Amino acid sequence: ALSEAWLSYVERKVFRGGCFFAAASAEFDSRPGPVRDRIAEVMREWRGGLERAVRLAQDEGHLPSRVDAGQLAFELIALSLGANWAAQLHRDQAALSRARTAIRERLRALATRRAPVLSSRRYRPPSSRRPLSSGSDRPPGSRVES
């Protein structure tokens, strides 16, 4: 569900240029300083969240204990960021669908018999969320200082 929500975020074009942190990571990965440090911290938090989700799935018996949570989180991030890259740089309309398929198949290959059936349904966010790129570069409700 986490990977699907992230792919949906990119697909909905919440930010022009795809995932803000994917773009910022590429821009600042070799630049020392507080901006790079903060981006790295956010990405570590994302990886940590995925690792915790893997361990929870193991605790629930949905994934075997032999699965390396760090490795699986790395693979999920690599597939997601690769999809963002292909969708943005190459305007590859199939990139997000390919990532969904790859992620679903990877998880199915690892899942135990106790795991719930993986759905191919796409994440649908609450309708109250609007993309920032529609009509304004500012978040809804923000003010312009005069």
C-alpha atoms as a PDB file:
ATOM      1  CA  ALA A   1       0.000   0.000   0.000  1.00  0.00           C
ATOM      2  CA  LEU A   2       2.872   2.394   0.731  1.00  0.00           C
ATOM      3  CA  SER A   3       4.431   1.898  -2.682  1.00  0.00           C
ATOM      4  CA  GLU A   4       1.063   2.257  -4.393  1.00  0.00           C
ATOM      5  CA  ALA A   5       0.342   5.498  -2.534  1.00  0.00           C
ATOM      6  CA  TRP A   6       3.736   6.883  -3.608  1.00  0.00           C
ATOM      7  CA  LEU A   7       3.205   5.890  -7.250  1.00  0.00           C
ATOM      8  CA  SER A   8      -0.237   7.495  -7.127  1.00  0.00           C
ATOM      9  CA  TYR A   9       1.343  10.677  -5.761  1.00  0.00           C
ATOM     10  CA  VAL A  10       3.684  10.805  -8.782  1.00  0.00           C
ATOM     11  CA  GLU A  11       0.885   9.883 -11.183  1.00  0.00           C
ATOM     12  CA  ARG A  12      -1.402  12.643  -9.883  1.00  0.00           C
ATOM     13  CA  LYS A  13       1.337  15.212 -10.544  1.00  0.00           C
ATOM     14  CA  VAL A  14       1.125  16.691  -7.065  1.00  0.00           C
ATOM     15  CA  PHE A  15       4.339  18.523  -7.990  1.00  0.00           C
ATOM     16  CA  ARG A  16       5.472  19.367 -11.485  1.00  0.00           C
ATOM     17  CA  GLY A  17       8.457  17.170 -12.214  1.00  0.00           C
ATOM     18  CA  GLY A  18       7.215  14.161 -10.270  1.00  0.00           C
ATOM     19  CA  CYS A  19       8.345  13.416  -6.748  1.00  0.00           C
ATOM     20  CA  PHE A  20       9.795  16.545  -5.165  1.00  0.00           C
ATOM     21  CA  PHE A  21      12.282  14.562  -3.070  1.00  0.00           C
ATOM     22  CA  ALA A  22      13.412  12.414  -6.005  1.00  0.00           C
ATOM     23  CA  ALA A  23      14.171  15.570  -7.991  1.00  0.00           C
ATOM     24  CA  ALA A  24      15.789  17.292  -5.019  1.00  0.00           C
ATOM     25  CA  SER A  25      17.861  14.178  -4.258  1.00  0.00           C
ATOM     26  CA  ALA A  26      19.289  14.170  -7.770  1.00  0.00           C
ATOM     27  CA  GLU A  27      19.983  17.899  -7.588  1.00  0.00           C
ATOM     28  CA  PHE A  28      21.638  17.963  -4.160  1.00  0.00           C
ATOM     29  CA  ASP A  29      23.156  14.481  -3.662  1.00  0.00           C
ATOM     30  CA  SER A  30      26.718  15.718  -4.292  1.00  0.00           C
ATOM     31  CA  ARG A  31      26.333  19.174  -2.712  1.00  0.00           C
ATOM     32  CA  PRO A  32      27.299  19.346   0.947  1.00  0.00           C
ATOM     33  CA  GLY A  33      25.169  21.468   3.226  1.00  0.00           C
ATOM     34  CA  PRO A  34      21.941  21.688   5.206  1.00  0.00           C
ATOM     35  CA  VAL A  35      19.607  21.245   2.213  1.00  0.00           C
ATOM     36  CA  ARG A  36      21.317  17.997   1.203  1.00  0.00           C
ATOM     37  CA  ASP A  37      21.336  16.852   4.833  1.00  0.00           C
ATOM     38  CA  ARG A  38      17.593  17.452   5.201  1.00  0.00           C
ATOM     39  CA  ILE A  39      16.794  15.677   1.931  1.00  0.00           C
ATOM     40  CA  ALA A  40      18.930  12.724   3.055  1.00  0.00           C
ATOM     41  CA  GLU A  41      17.103  12.679   6.390  1.00  0.00           C
ATOM     42  CA  VAL A  42      13.680  12.594   4.710  1.00  0.00           C
ATOM     43  CA  MET A  43      14.771   9.799   2.377  1.00  0.00           C
ATOM     44  CA  ARG A  44      16.201   7.835   5.350  1.00  0.00           C
ATOM     45  CA  GLU A  45      12.821   8.230   7.062  1.00  0.00           C
ATOM     46  CA  TRP A  46      11.060   6.869   3.958  1.00  0.00           C
ATOM     47  CA  ARG A  47      13.438   3.902   3.782  1.00  0.00           C
ATOM     48  CA  GLY A  48      12.979   3.324   7.517  1.00  0.00           C
ATOM     49  CA  GLY A  49       9.206   3.371   7.127  1.00  0.00           C
ATOM     50  CA  LEU A  50       9.386   0.748   4.400  1.00  0.00           C
ATOM     51  CA  GLU A  51      11.726  -1.384   6.517  1.00  0.00           C
ATOM     52  CA  ARG A  52       9.283  -1.163   9.441  1.00  0.00           C
ATOM     53  CA  ALA A  53       6.430  -2.177   7.119  1.00  0.00           C
ATOM     54  CA  VAL A  54       8.435  -5.232   6.017  1.00  0.00           C
ATOM     55  CA  ARG A  55       9.154  -6.198   9.642  1.00  0.00           C
ATOM     56  CA  LEU A  56       5.460  -5.750  10.507  1.00  0.00           C
ATOM     57  CA  ALA A  57       4.533  -8.024   7.589  1.00  0.00           C
ATOM     58  CA  GLN A  58       7.027 -10.555   8.958  1.00  0.00           C
ATOM     59  CA  ASP A  59       5.535 -10.277  12.462  1.00  0.00           C
ATOM     60  CA  GLU A  60       2.071 -10.861  10.968  1.00  0.00           C
ATOM     61  CA  GLY A  61       3.353 -13.915   9.092  1.00  0.00           C
ATOM     62  CA  HIS A  62       2.835 -12.345   5.656  1.00  0.00           C
ATOM     63  CA  LEU A  63       6.537 -12.381   4.772  1.00  0.00           C
ATOM     64  CA  PRO A  64       9.078 -14.991   5.881  1.00  0.00           C
ATOM     65  CA  SER A  65      11.601 -13.946   8.539  1.00  0.00           C
ATOM     66  CA  ARG A  66      14.464 -14.705   6.127  1.00  0.00           C
ATOM     67  CA  VAL A  67      13.531 -11.643   4.034  1.00  0.00           C
ATOM     68  CA  ASP A  68      16.064  -8.854   4.590  1.00  0.00           C
ATOM     69  CA  ALA A  69      13.952  -5.772   5.377  1.00  0.00           C
ATOM     70  CA  GLY A  70      16.707  -3.388   4.270  1.00  0.00           C
ATOM     71  CA  GLN A  71      17.157  -5.162   0.956  1.00  0.00           C
ATOM     72  CA  LEU A  72      13.446  -5.257   0.173  1.00  0.00           C
ATOM     73  CA  ALA A  73      13.037  -1.578   1.101  1.00  0.00           C
ATOM     74  CA  PHE A  74      15.970  -0.760  -1.209  1.00  0.00           C
ATOM     75  CA  GLU A  75      14.330  -2.682  -4.064  1.00  0.00           C
ATOM     76  CA  LEU A  76      10.966  -0.969  -3.584  1.00  0.00           C
ATOM     77  CA  ILE A  77      12.618   2.458  -3.540  1.00  0.00           C
ATOM     78  CA  ALA A  78      14.737   1.622  -6.595  1.00  0.00           C
ATOM     79  CA  LEU A  79      11.663   0.567  -8.563  1.00  0.00           C
ATOM     80  CA  SER A  80       9.721   3.642  -7.473  1.00  0.00           C
ATOM     81  CA  LEU A  81      12.484   6.135  -8.201  1.00  0.00           C
ATOM     82  CA  GLY A  82      13.208   4.422 -11.512  1.00  0.00           C
ATOM     83  CA  ALA A  83       9.563   4.817 -12.469  1.00  0.00           C
ATOM     84  CA  ASN A  84       9.623   8.497 -11.501  1.00  0.00           C
ATOM     85  CA  TRP A  85      12.783   8.998 -13.595  1.00  0.00           C
ATOM     86  CA  ALA A  86      11.322   7.255 -16.663  1.00  0.00           C
ATOM     87  CA  ALA A  87       7.979   9.047 -16.343  1.00  0.00           C
ATOM     88  CA  GLN A  88       9.589  12.472 -15.981  1.00  0.00           C
ATOM     89  CA  LEU A  89      12.690  12.376 -18.181  1.00  0.00           C
ATOM     90  CA  HIS A  90      11.402  10.111 -20.933  1.00  0.00           C
ATOM     91  CA  ARG A  91       7.681  10.867 -20.591  1.00  0.00           C
ATOM     92  CA  ASP A  92       7.207   7.091 -20.432  1.00  0.00           C
ATOM     93  CA  GLN A  93       3.461   6.673 -19.909  1.00  0.00           C
ATOM     94  CA  ALA A  94       3.926   3.007 -18.949  1.00  0.00           C
ATOM     95  CA  ALA A  95       6.624   3.560 -16.304  1.00  0.00           C
ATOM     96  CA  LEU A  96       4.330   3.722 -13.286  1.00  0.00           C
ATOM     97  CA  SER A  97       2.337   0.712 -14.451  1.00  0.00           C
ATOM     98  CA  ARG A  98       5.583  -1.217 -14.947  1.00  0.00           C
ATOM     99  CA  ALA A  99       6.704  -0.288 -11.448  1.00  0.00           C
ATOM    100  CA  ARG A 100       3.359  -1.408 -10.006  1.00  0.00           C
ATOM    101  CA  THR A 101       3.712  -4.759 -11.766  1.00  0.00           C
ATOM    102  CA  ALA A 102       7.330  -5.218 -10.653  1.00  0.00           C
ATOM    103  CA  ILE A 103       6.552  -4.334  -7.034  1.00  0.00           C
ATOM    104  CA  ARG A 104       3.470  -6.565  -6.925  1.00  0.00           C
ATOM    105  CA  GLU A 105       5.376  -9.504  -8.457  1.00  0.00           C
ATOM    106  CA  ARG A 106       8.323  -9.052  -6.079  1.00  0.00           C
ATOM    107  CA  LEU A 107       6.003  -9.069  -3.085  1.00  0.00           C
ATOM    108  CA  ARG A 108       4.023 -12.046  -4.411  1.00  0.00           C
ATOM    109  CA  ALA A 109       7.259 -13.996  -4.855  1.00  0.00           C
ATOM    110  CA  LEU A 110       8.127 -13.436  -1.198  1.00  0.00           C
ATOM    111  CA  ALA A 111       4.658 -13.674   0.381  1.00  0.00           C
ATOM    112  CA  THR A 112       3.677 -16.550   2.621  1.00  0.00           C
ATOM    113  CA  ARG A 113       0.368 -18.376   2.343  1.00  0.00           C
ATOM    114  CA  ARG A 114      -0.920 -16.283   5.251  1.00  0.00           C
ATOM    115  CA  ALA A 115      -0.442 -13.045   3.316  1.00  0.00           C
ATOM    116  CA  PRO A 116      -3.534 -11.289   2.000  1.00  0.00           C
ATOM    117  CA  VAL A 117      -4.030 -11.352  -1.741  1.00  0.00           C
ATOM    118  CA  LEU A 118      -2.265  -8.399  -3.334  1.00  0.00           C
ATOM    119  CA  SER A 119      -4.724  -6.203  -5.128  1.00  0.00           C
ATOM    120  CA  SER A 120      -4.028  -4.576  -8.454  1.00  0.00           C
ATOM    121  CA  ARG A 121      -6.382  -1.717  -7.529  1.00  0.00           C
ATOM    122  CA  ARG A 122      -4.817   1.705  -7.572  1.00  0.00           C
ATOM    123  CA  TYR A 123      -4.720   4.024  -4.599  1.00  0.00           C
ATOM    124  CA  ARG A 124      -7.393   6.725  -4.667  1.00  0.00           C
ATOM    125  CA  PRO A 125      -6.639   9.662  -2.389  1.00  0.00           C
ATOM    126  CA  PRO A 126      -9.356  11.635  -0.626  1.00  0.00           C
ATOM    127  CA  SER A 127     -10.957  14.067  -3.063  1.00  0.00           C
ATOM    128  CA  SER A 128     -10.052  17.001  -0.822  1.00  0.00           C
ATOM    129  CA  ARG A 129      -6.432  16.820  -1.970  1.00  0.00           C
ATOM    130  CA  ARG A 130      -5.697  18.945  -4.995  1.00  0.00           C
ATOM    131  CA  PRO A 131      -2.508  18.941  -7.055  1.00  0.00           C
ATOM    132  CA  LEU A 132      -0.312  21.989  -6.546  1.00  0.00           C
ATOM    133  CA  SER A 133       0.279  22.257 -10.269  1.00  0.00           C
ATOM    134  CA  SER A 134      -3.353  23.071 -11.049  1.00  0.00           C
ATOM    135  CA  GLY A 135      -3.587  26.820 -11.419  1.00  0.00           C
ATOM    136  CA  SER A 136      -1.082  27.857  -8.780  1.00  0.00           C
ATOM    137  CA  ASP A 137       2.412  27.085  -7.659  1.00  0.00           C
ATOM    138  CA  ARG A 138       1.366  27.676  -4.054  1.00  0.00           C
ATOM    139  CA  PRO A 139      -0.290  25.158  -1.765  1.00  0.00           C
ATOM    140  CA  PRO A 140      -4.028  25.665  -1.272  1.00  0.00           C
ATOM    141  CA  GLY A 141      -4.665  28.227   1.454  1.00  0.00           C
ATOM    142  CA  SER A 142      -1.248  29.874   1.252  1.00  0.00           C
ATOM    143  CA  ARG A 143      -1.007  33.633   1.047  1.00  0.00           C
ATOM    144  CA  VAL A 144       1.129  35.927  -1.029  1.00  0.00           C
ATOM    145  CA  GLU A 145       3.059  38.348   1.156  1.00  0.00           C
ATOM    146  CA  SER A 146       2.844  41.980   0.034  1.00  0.00           C
END
